[in-house]
Amino acid sequence: MKNIIHSLLRFSLRLTSYFFFEKIYISGIENLPDSYPVILACNHPNAFLDSIVMTTCVKRPLYYTARGDFFKSKVASSLLHFINIFPVYRKEEGQELIYKNNETFSYSIELFKKNGALVIFPEGLSENKYDLRPLRKGIARLAFEAWNNSEISDKLRIVPIAIHYSSWLKIRPIVYVEFLKNIEKKEFIDLTESGFFNKSFNEKLKMIFSEKCIVVDKTSNTISQNKIISFMLKNYLNATANTKKIQDKYINEVNGKFKSDYNALSDFLTKENVNYDLKREKGIMKFINLISWFIVFGTAFIYNFIPYFIAAFISRKSTKGNDFHDSLLYCVLMFIYPVYLIILFSITTDCVNYKAGLLDVFLTAFSAFYYEAAKRYILTFFKGEKLVIVHDMLKKFFEKGNG
């Protein structure tokens, strides 16, 4: 029964992703072993939504850890354990609770013996920021214990994963999930002294994350940086690599010209309210497509306003826009949207017939799926002249001698 419920839950989470995200780009999936025990070590920018993203990207069953204070309630604890989420207690929850981690560690070792997959967020804390927080020692301690276990030994792989979102507190972000090169037991010479190993392991993991994760310069204008990062991730191919390159230039610039061009672009995007980019057709086709996308946009707004408004309202009221907003919005939408479609089908069937009811359901789901594409086309159509300026400003970022 539990396996059936888990399968239905995974199906619902994956199905909802088509109506919540504009796109999820997955790269490096070949770095995820199919049959070995693995620890998926992810950066942690968006609370429970990071776990949902992992569930949609990975086919094999996943187990998760979460901070211990989520397990205070017996009901919450039972529910979280049922969906394969287990507690890791930190000093912040109380030094007297740390011993409870032994139970989670023991369960994890047994999981690895069965070639299971465990997701851990080594930063411990989640914040809606382009940042890389200090890494905690949980993964290092678990890897040390597993690699010294004769039944597991070098079978265990650590798979670092970099997750980036184009935005927070908004529906339809673009998400990038990059599975990185595995960390293996053979890379560490000394597996006898845990303190030395933990330090060496975290240094290696931090170096891997630092090479891939986009971060802002917290000593400079973070609003401008967030604007540029969000715009790049929302609109361009190879977005994470190019945005990372731009951010590194910004942080390490020495001549001042690059930072000046960077801030000028951010100011322009903000002033002109430019948030989308898209390569446009020429001639009559662009007007035909404009009309088509207007029809899709209008249909999506009419049919989908109610469920999306309710989900957004509940999320805003419950979270006040904190780091759990997107996670709750996703879960509320996952439960509300099917109910809305059933009600819509029932009303249309009663008023007209079942064929009309099926048509309404199809139009609702179809237009919701293509809503962001329609919005992108329409806005870029009317911002064409502004985007020409944006393109010219972006070219400066990659000119030799600029930064």
Protein backbone atom coordinates (compact mmCIF):
# COMPACT_ATOMS: atom_id res chain seq x y z
CA MET A 1 0.00 0.00 0.00
CA LYS A 2 2.83 2.39 0.90
CA ASN A 3 4.54 1.79 -2.43
CA ILE A 4 1.30 2.52 -4.30
CA ILE A 5 0.81 5.79 -2.43
CA HIS A 6 4.46 6.74 -3.08
CA SER A 7 4.03 6.02 -6.79
CA LEU A 8 0.88 8.15 -6.94
CA LEU A 9 2.58 10.95 -5.05
CA ARG A 10 5.59 10.92 -7.38
CA PHE A 11 3.25 10.94 -10.38
CA SER A 12 1.33 13.93 -8.96
CA LEU A 13 4.52 15.84 -8.20
CA ARG A 14 5.89 15.25 -11.70
CA LEU A 15 2.59 16.13 -13.37
CA THR A 16 2.29 19.36 -11.38
CA SER A 17 5.76 20.40 -12.53
CA TYR A 18 4.34 21.02 -16.03
CA PHE A 19 1.95 23.59 -14.59
CA PHE A 20 4.32 25.21 -12.10
CA PHE A 21 7.66 25.52 -13.92
CA GLU A 22 8.19 26.96 -17.35
CA LYS A 23 10.98 24.43 -17.90
CA ILE A 24 13.34 22.16 -15.99
CA TYR A 25 16.69 21.75 -17.72
CA ILE A 26 18.55 18.63 -16.61
CA SER A 27 22.20 18.06 -17.47
CA GLY A 28 24.81 15.50 -16.44
CA ILE A 29 22.21 12.85 -15.61
CA GLU A 30 24.74 10.26 -16.79
CA ASN A 31 26.64 11.06 -13.56
CA LEU A 32 23.83 9.48 -11.53
CA PRO A 33 24.50 5.73 -11.12
CA ASP A 34 21.50 3.45 -11.58
CA SER A 35 22.52 0.59 -9.33
CA TYR A 36 25.02 1.92 -6.78
CA PRO A 37 24.16 3.41 -3.39
CA VAL A 38 24.36 7.20 -3.69
CA ILE A 39 24.19 10.37 -1.65
CA LEU A 40 22.81 13.21 -3.73
CA ALA A 41 24.45 16.34 -2.30
CA CYS A 42 22.47 19.38 -3.44
CA ASN A 43 22.79 23.08 -2.81
CA HIS A 44 19.67 24.41 -1.11
CA PRO A 45 18.16 27.64 -2.48
CA ASN A 46 14.44 26.88 -2.22
CA ALA A 47 13.34 24.86 0.84
CA PHE A 48 11.12 21.82 0.13
CA LEU A 49 10.83 22.77 -3.53
CA ASP A 50 14.41 21.53 -3.99
CA SER A 51 13.26 18.07 -2.88
CA ILE A 52 10.28 18.24 -5.23
CA VAL A 53 12.57 19.16 -8.12
CA MET A 54 14.79 16.18 -7.31
CA THR A 55 11.76 13.88 -7.29
CA THR A 56 10.72 15.09 -10.74
CA CYS A 57 14.24 14.65 -12.16
CA VAL A 58 15.25 11.26 -10.76
CA LYS A 59 13.44 8.05 -11.67
CA ARG A 60 14.75 5.87 -8.85
CA PRO A 61 13.10 6.13 -5.38
CA LEU A 62 14.67 8.81 -3.20
CA TYR A 63 14.99 9.25 0.54
CA TYR A 64 15.56 12.62 2.13
CA THR A 65 16.79 14.27 5.30
CA ALA A 66 15.30 17.41 6.81
CA ARG A 67 16.10 19.52 9.82
CA GLY A 68 14.90 18.14 13.12
CA ASP A 69 12.49 20.92 14.13
CA PHE A 70 10.06 19.80 11.39
CA PHE A 71 9.53 16.59 13.39
CA LYS A 72 8.34 18.16 16.66
CA SER A 73 4.71 17.25 16.06
CA LYS A 74 3.87 13.55 16.18
CA VAL A 75 1.57 13.98 13.18
CA ALA A 76 4.24 15.80 11.15
CA SER A 77 6.86 13.26 12.20
CA SER A 78 4.69 10.32 11.11
CA LEU A 79 3.83 11.97 7.80
CA LEU A 80 7.45 12.86 7.01
CA HIS A 81 8.67 9.37 7.86
CA PHE A 82 5.92 7.91 5.68
CA ILE A 83 7.16 9.87 2.64
CA ASN A 84 10.77 8.83 3.36
CA ILE A 85 12.03 12.03 4.98
CA PHE A 86 14.16 11.55 8.10
CA PRO A 87 15.38 14.02 10.73
CA VAL A 88 18.83 15.46 11.16
CA TYR A 89 19.11 17.45 14.38
CA ARG A 90 21.39 20.46 14.50
CA LYS A 91 22.82 22.39 17.42
CA GLU A 92 20.12 25.01 16.74
CA GLU A 93 17.44 22.48 17.74
CA GLY A 94 19.23 21.72 21.00
CA GLN A 95 22.44 19.92 21.88
CA GLU A 96 20.43 17.33 23.82
CA LEU A 97 18.78 16.12 20.59
CA ILE A 98 21.96 15.45 18.61
CA TYR A 99 22.09 11.83 19.79
CA LYS A 100 18.91 11.15 17.77
CA ASN A 101 20.95 11.50 14.58
CA ASN A 102 22.43 8.07 15.31
CA GLU A 103 19.08 6.52 14.37
CA THR A 104 19.01 8.35 11.03
CA PHE A 105 22.64 7.44 10.36
CA SER A 106 21.95 3.77 11.10
CA TYR A 107 18.93 3.78 8.81
CA SER A 108 21.00 5.45 6.06
CA ILE A 109 23.69 2.75 6.32
CA GLU A 110 21.04 0.06 5.94
CA LEU A 111 19.64 1.98 2.96
CA PHE A 112 23.06 2.03 1.28
CA LYS A 113 23.41 -1.72 1.79
CA LYS A 114 20.28 -2.03 -0.38
CA ASN A 115 21.74 0.35 -3.02
CA GLY A 116 19.38 3.14 -1.98
CA ALA A 117 19.59 6.84 -2.85
CA LEU A 118 19.63 9.52 -0.14
CA VAL A 119 19.27 13.26 -0.79
CA ILE A 120 21.08 15.57 1.64
CA PHE A 121 21.41 19.36 1.52
CA PRO A 122 24.85 20.00 3.05
CA GLU A 123 24.24 23.71 3.58
CA GLY A 124 21.66 22.79 6.20
CA LEU A 125 19.78 26.05 5.79
CA SER A 126 17.75 27.19 2.80
CA GLU A 127 17.50 30.78 1.61
CA ASN A 128 16.05 32.29 -1.57
CA LYS A 129 19.42 33.72 -2.54
CA TYR A 130 22.09 33.17 -5.14
CA ASP A 131 24.63 32.12 -2.58
CA LEU A 132 26.59 29.17 -1.27
CA ARG A 133 26.37 28.84 2.48
CA PRO A 134 28.95 27.05 4.69
CA LEU A 135 28.73 23.28 4.38
CA ARG A 136 27.89 21.17 7.39
CA LYS A 137 29.59 17.88 8.17
CA GLY A 138 26.64 15.49 7.88
CA ILE A 139 27.50 14.09 4.46
CA ALA A 140 31.18 13.76 5.36
CA ARG A 141 30.37 11.83 8.54
CA LEU A 142 27.94 9.56 6.73
CA ALA A 143 30.36 8.93 3.84
CA PHE A 144 33.14 8.16 6.35
CA GLU A 145 30.98 5.59 8.10
CA ALA A 146 29.69 4.03 4.86
CA TRP A 147 33.11 3.82 3.19
CA ASN A 148 34.44 2.07 6.29
CA ASN A 149 31.59 -0.43 6.21
CA SER A 150 32.66 -3.68 4.55
CA GLU A 151 29.21 -4.25 2.99
CA ILE A 152 29.19 -0.83 1.33
CA SER A 153 32.81 0.30 0.98
CA ASP A 154 33.65 1.85 -2.40
CA LYS A 155 30.20 1.14 -3.90
CA LEU A 156 28.88 4.38 -2.38
CA ARG A 157 29.02 7.39 -4.71
CA ILE A 158 28.53 11.03 -3.72
CA VAL A 159 26.78 12.94 -6.52
CA PRO A 160 27.02 16.76 -6.14
CA ILE A 161 24.06 18.56 -7.71
CA ALA A 162 23.77 22.27 -8.52
CA ILE A 163 20.22 23.67 -8.63
CA HIS A 164 19.44 27.18 -9.92
CA TYR A 165 16.09 28.98 -10.20
CA SER A 166 15.44 31.95 -12.46
CA SER A 167 13.24 33.49 -9.75
CA TRP A 168 11.50 32.98 -6.44
CA LEU A 169 8.03 33.87 -5.18
CA LYS A 170 6.73 33.60 -8.75
CA ILE A 171 4.93 30.96 -10.75
CA ARG A 172 6.67 29.56 -13.83
CA PRO A 173 10.39 29.89 -13.05
CA ILE A 174 12.97 28.04 -15.12
CA VAL A 175 15.02 25.52 -13.13
CA TYR A 176 18.46 24.14 -13.93
CA VAL A 177 19.57 20.87 -12.38
CA GLU A 178 23.14 19.77 -13.06
CA PHE A 179 24.41 16.38 -11.88
CA LEU A 180 28.15 16.70 -11.37
CA LYS A 181 31.08 14.29 -11.37
CA ASN A 182 30.92 11.74 -8.56
CA ILE A 183 33.10 11.84 -5.47
CA GLU A 184 34.43 8.34 -4.75
CA LYS A 185 36.21 6.61 -1.90
CA LYS A 186 39.44 6.18 -3.90
CA GLU A 187 39.95 9.98 -3.91
CA PHE A 188 40.77 9.94 -0.18
CA ILE A 189 43.99 8.42 1.06
CA ASP A 190 43.26 8.43 4.80
CA LEU A 191 39.97 6.94 6.01
CA THR A 192 41.09 6.27 9.57
CA GLU A 193 40.79 9.66 11.26
CA SER A 194 37.30 11.19 10.95
CA GLY A 195 38.21 14.78 11.79
CA PHE A 196 40.82 15.03 9.05
CA PHE A 197 38.54 13.23 6.58
CA ASN A 198 35.55 15.51 7.31
CA LYS A 199 37.68 18.58 6.62
CA SER A 200 39.13 17.14 3.39
CA PHE A 201 35.74 15.97 2.16
CA ASN A 202 34.02 19.30 2.75
CA GLU A 203 36.84 21.17 1.06
CA LYS A 204 36.43 18.98 -2.03
CA LEU A 205 32.64 19.34 -2.05
CA LYS A 206 32.86 23.10 -1.55
CA MET A 207 35.32 23.40 -4.45
CA ILE A 208 32.91 21.50 -6.72
CA PHE A 209 29.98 23.69 -5.73
CA SER A 210 32.07 26.86 -6.05
CA GLU A 211 32.88 25.99 -9.65
CA LYS A 212 29.21 25.59 -10.58
CA CYS A 213 27.01 27.62 -8.23
CA ILE A 214 26.15 31.21 -9.11
CA VAL A 215 26.68 33.60 -6.20
CA VAL A 216 26.24 37.32 -5.67
CA ASP A 217 28.80 39.70 -4.27
CA LYS A 218 27.21 40.54 -0.91
CA THR A 219 29.45 43.59 -0.51
CA SER A 220 27.98 45.20 -3.63
CA ASN A 221 24.54 46.00 -5.08
CA THR A 222 22.67 42.72 -4.64
CA ILE A 223 19.47 44.07 -6.24
CA SER A 224 21.29 44.74 -9.52
CA GLN A 225 22.96 41.34 -9.40
CA ASN A 226 19.70 39.51 -8.73
CA LYS A 227 18.13 41.30 -11.69
CA ILE A 228 20.90 40.29 -14.10
CA ILE A 229 21.10 36.70 -12.83
CA SER A 230 17.34 36.24 -13.03
CA PHE A 231 17.17 37.71 -16.54
CA MET A 232 20.01 35.52 -17.80
CA LEU A 233 18.62 32.32 -16.29
CA LYS A 234 15.14 33.06 -17.61
CA ASN A 235 16.11 33.64 -21.21
CA TYR A 236 19.28 32.14 -22.61
CA LEU A 237 20.89 28.86 -23.60
CA ASN A 238 23.85 27.70 -21.52
CA ALA A 239 22.40 30.07 -18.97
CA THR A 240 24.11 28.77 -15.84
CA ALA A 241 27.58 28.66 -17.41
CA ASN A 242 27.29 32.13 -18.98
CA THR A 243 25.71 33.66 -15.89
CA LYS A 244 28.40 32.11 -13.71
CA LYS A 245 31.05 33.61 -16.03
CA ILE A 246 29.45 37.05 -15.80
CA GLN A 247 29.13 36.88 -12.01
CA ASP A 248 32.74 35.81 -11.59
CA LYS A 249 33.79 38.78 -13.71
CA TYR A 250 31.62 41.07 -11.61
CA ILE A 251 33.05 39.80 -8.34
CA ASN A 252 36.66 39.81 -9.52
CA GLU A 253 36.64 42.87 -11.80
CA VAL A 254 39.62 45.15 -11.48
CA ASN A 255 39.19 47.98 -13.97
CA GLY A 256 35.68 49.14 -13.02
CA LYS A 257 34.37 49.19 -16.61
CA PHE A 258 32.68 45.79 -16.40
CA LYS A 259 30.83 46.67 -13.19
CA SER A 260 29.72 49.97 -14.75
CA ASP A 261 28.31 48.15 -17.82
CA TYR A 262 26.73 45.55 -15.55
CA ASN A 263 24.90 48.11 -13.43
CA ALA A 264 23.81 50.01 -16.54
CA LEU A 265 22.16 46.89 -17.94
CA SER A 266 20.45 46.15 -14.63
CA ASP A 267 19.11 49.71 -14.44
CA PHE A 268 17.86 49.50 -18.03
CA LEU A 269 16.08 46.18 -17.49
CA THR A 270 14.40 47.57 -14.38
CA LYS A 271 13.44 50.94 -15.87
CA GLU A 272 12.04 49.46 -19.09
CA ASN A 273 10.50 46.44 -17.32
CA VAL A 274 12.23 43.96 -19.63
CA ASN A 275 12.00 40.42 -18.24
CA TYR A 276 11.81 38.18 -21.30
CA ASP A 277 13.81 37.61 -24.44
CA LEU A 278 13.01 35.54 -27.51
CA LYS A 279 14.29 35.25 -31.05
CA ARG A 280 11.52 36.65 -33.24
CA GLU A 281 10.35 35.65 -36.69
CA LYS A 282 10.34 38.08 -39.58
CA GLY A 283 7.56 39.12 -41.91
CA ILE A 284 3.90 38.21 -41.68
CA MET A 285 4.51 35.13 -39.49
CA LYS A 286 5.30 37.22 -36.43
CA PHE A 287 1.84 38.81 -36.61
CA ILE A 288 0.10 35.48 -37.18
CA ASN A 289 1.95 34.04 -34.20
CA LEU A 290 1.12 37.10 -32.12
CA ILE A 291 -2.60 36.56 -32.71
CA SER A 292 -2.26 32.84 -31.91
CA TRP A 293 -0.41 33.49 -28.68
CA PHE A 294 -2.94 36.17 -27.67
CA ILE A 295 -5.67 33.55 -28.00
CA VAL A 296 -3.69 31.09 -25.85
CA PHE A 297 -2.92 33.78 -23.27
CA GLY A 298 -6.57 34.87 -23.02
CA THR A 299 -7.80 31.30 -22.79
CA ALA A 300 -5.26 30.51 -20.07
CA PHE A 301 -6.23 33.56 -18.05
CA ILE A 302 -9.98 32.88 -18.25
CA TYR A 303 -9.79 29.16 -17.50
CA ASN A 304 -6.96 29.16 -14.95
CA PHE A 305 -7.39 32.35 -12.97
CA ILE A 306 -9.35 30.70 -10.14
CA PRO A 307 -7.02 27.79 -9.20
CA TYR A 308 -3.81 29.81 -9.56
CA PHE A 309 -5.26 32.74 -7.62
CA ILE A 310 -6.41 30.51 -4.77
CA ALA A 311 -3.04 28.73 -4.60
CA ALA A 312 -1.13 32.04 -4.63
CA PHE A 313 -3.44 33.59 -2.02
CA ILE A 314 -3.06 30.65 0.39
CA SER A 315 0.71 30.64 -0.04
CA ARG A 316 1.10 34.38 0.52
CA LYS A 317 -1.15 34.36 3.57
CA SER A 318 0.52 31.32 5.12
CA THR A 319 4.17 32.13 4.49
CA LYS A 320 4.23 35.96 4.24
CA GLY A 321 6.62 35.50 1.32
CA ASN A 322 9.30 33.59 3.24
CA ASP A 323 11.55 30.82 1.88
CA PHE A 324 8.73 28.26 2.05
CA HIS A 325 6.39 30.22 -0.23
CA ASP A 326 7.22 28.35 -3.43
CA SER A 327 7.10 24.95 -1.74
CA LEU A 328 3.64 25.58 -0.34
CA LEU A 329 2.42 27.13 -3.60
CA TYR A 330 3.48 24.01 -5.46
CA CYS A 331 1.77 21.64 -3.02
CA VAL A 332 -1.45 23.68 -2.87
CA LEU A 333 -1.59 23.80 -6.67
CA MET A 334 -0.99 20.04 -6.82
CA PHE A 335 -4.13 19.40 -4.76
CA ILE A 336 -6.33 22.26 -5.97
CA TYR A 337 -5.83 21.92 -9.73
CA PRO A 338 -7.25 18.38 -10.16
CA VAL A 339 -10.22 19.32 -7.97
CA TYR A 340 -10.82 22.41 -10.08
CA LEU A 341 -10.72 20.35 -13.30
CA ILE A 342 -13.21 17.86 -11.86
CA ILE A 343 -15.59 20.65 -10.82
CA LEU A 344 -15.22 22.36 -14.20
CA PHE A 345 -15.95 19.10 -16.02
CA SER A 346 -18.99 18.40 -13.83
CA ILE A 347 -20.50 21.87 -14.30
CA THR A 348 -19.96 21.90 -18.07
CA THR A 349 -21.31 18.36 -18.40
CA ASP A 350 -24.45 19.26 -16.44
CA CYS A 351 -24.99 22.47 -18.41
CA VAL A 352 -24.07 21.18 -21.89
CA ASN A 353 -22.76 17.61 -22.29
CA TYR A 354 -19.74 15.47 -21.42
CA LYS A 355 -17.98 16.30 -24.71
CA ALA A 356 -18.06 19.98 -23.83
CA GLY A 357 -16.81 19.08 -20.37
CA LEU A 358 -13.84 17.21 -21.82
CA LEU A 359 -13.13 20.13 -24.15
CA ASP A 360 -13.09 22.56 -21.22
CA VAL A 361 -10.67 20.35 -19.29
CA PHE A 362 -8.41 20.07 -22.34
CA LEU A 363 -8.44 23.84 -22.99
CA THR A 364 -7.72 24.54 -19.33
CA ALA A 365 -4.71 22.24 -19.10
CA PHE A 366 -3.39 23.04 -22.58
CA SER A 367 -3.53 26.81 -22.10
CA ALA A 368 -2.01 26.56 -18.60
CA PHE A 369 0.93 24.61 -20.01
CA TYR A 370 1.56 27.19 -22.75
CA TYR A 371 0.69 30.31 -20.73
CA GLU A 372 4.28 31.35 -20.08
CA ALA A 373 5.27 30.78 -23.72
CA ALA A 374 2.38 33.02 -24.80
CA LYS A 375 3.34 35.68 -22.28
CA ARG A 376 6.97 35.53 -23.40
CA TYR A 377 6.07 35.95 -27.09
CA ILE A 378 3.64 38.82 -26.51
CA LEU A 379 5.93 40.82 -24.24
CA THR A 380 9.03 40.36 -26.41
CA PHE A 381 7.00 41.41 -29.46
CA PHE A 382 6.22 44.78 -27.90
CA LYS A 383 9.67 45.17 -26.32
CA GLY A 384 11.56 44.50 -29.55
CA GLU A 385 13.39 47.84 -29.70
CA LYS A 386 14.36 47.60 -26.05
CA LEU A 387 15.71 44.09 -26.55
CA VAL A 388 18.01 45.30 -29.34
CA ILE A 389 19.59 47.63 -26.79
CA VAL A 390 19.79 44.79 -24.25
CA HIS A 391 21.60 42.57 -26.76
CA ASP A 392 24.15 45.30 -27.48
CA MET A 393 24.75 45.80 -23.77
CA LEU A 394 25.14 42.06 -23.19
CA LYS A 395 27.78 41.81 -25.92
CA LYS A 396 30.00 44.12 -23.89
CA PHE A 397 30.11 41.55 -21.10
CA PHE A 398 32.02 39.13 -23.27
CA GLU A 399 34.36 41.59 -24.99
CA LYS A 400 38.05 41.09 -24.40
CA GLY A 401 39.46 43.51 -21.95
CA ASN A 402 36.10 44.11 -20.23
CA GLY A 403 36.78 42.80 -16.76
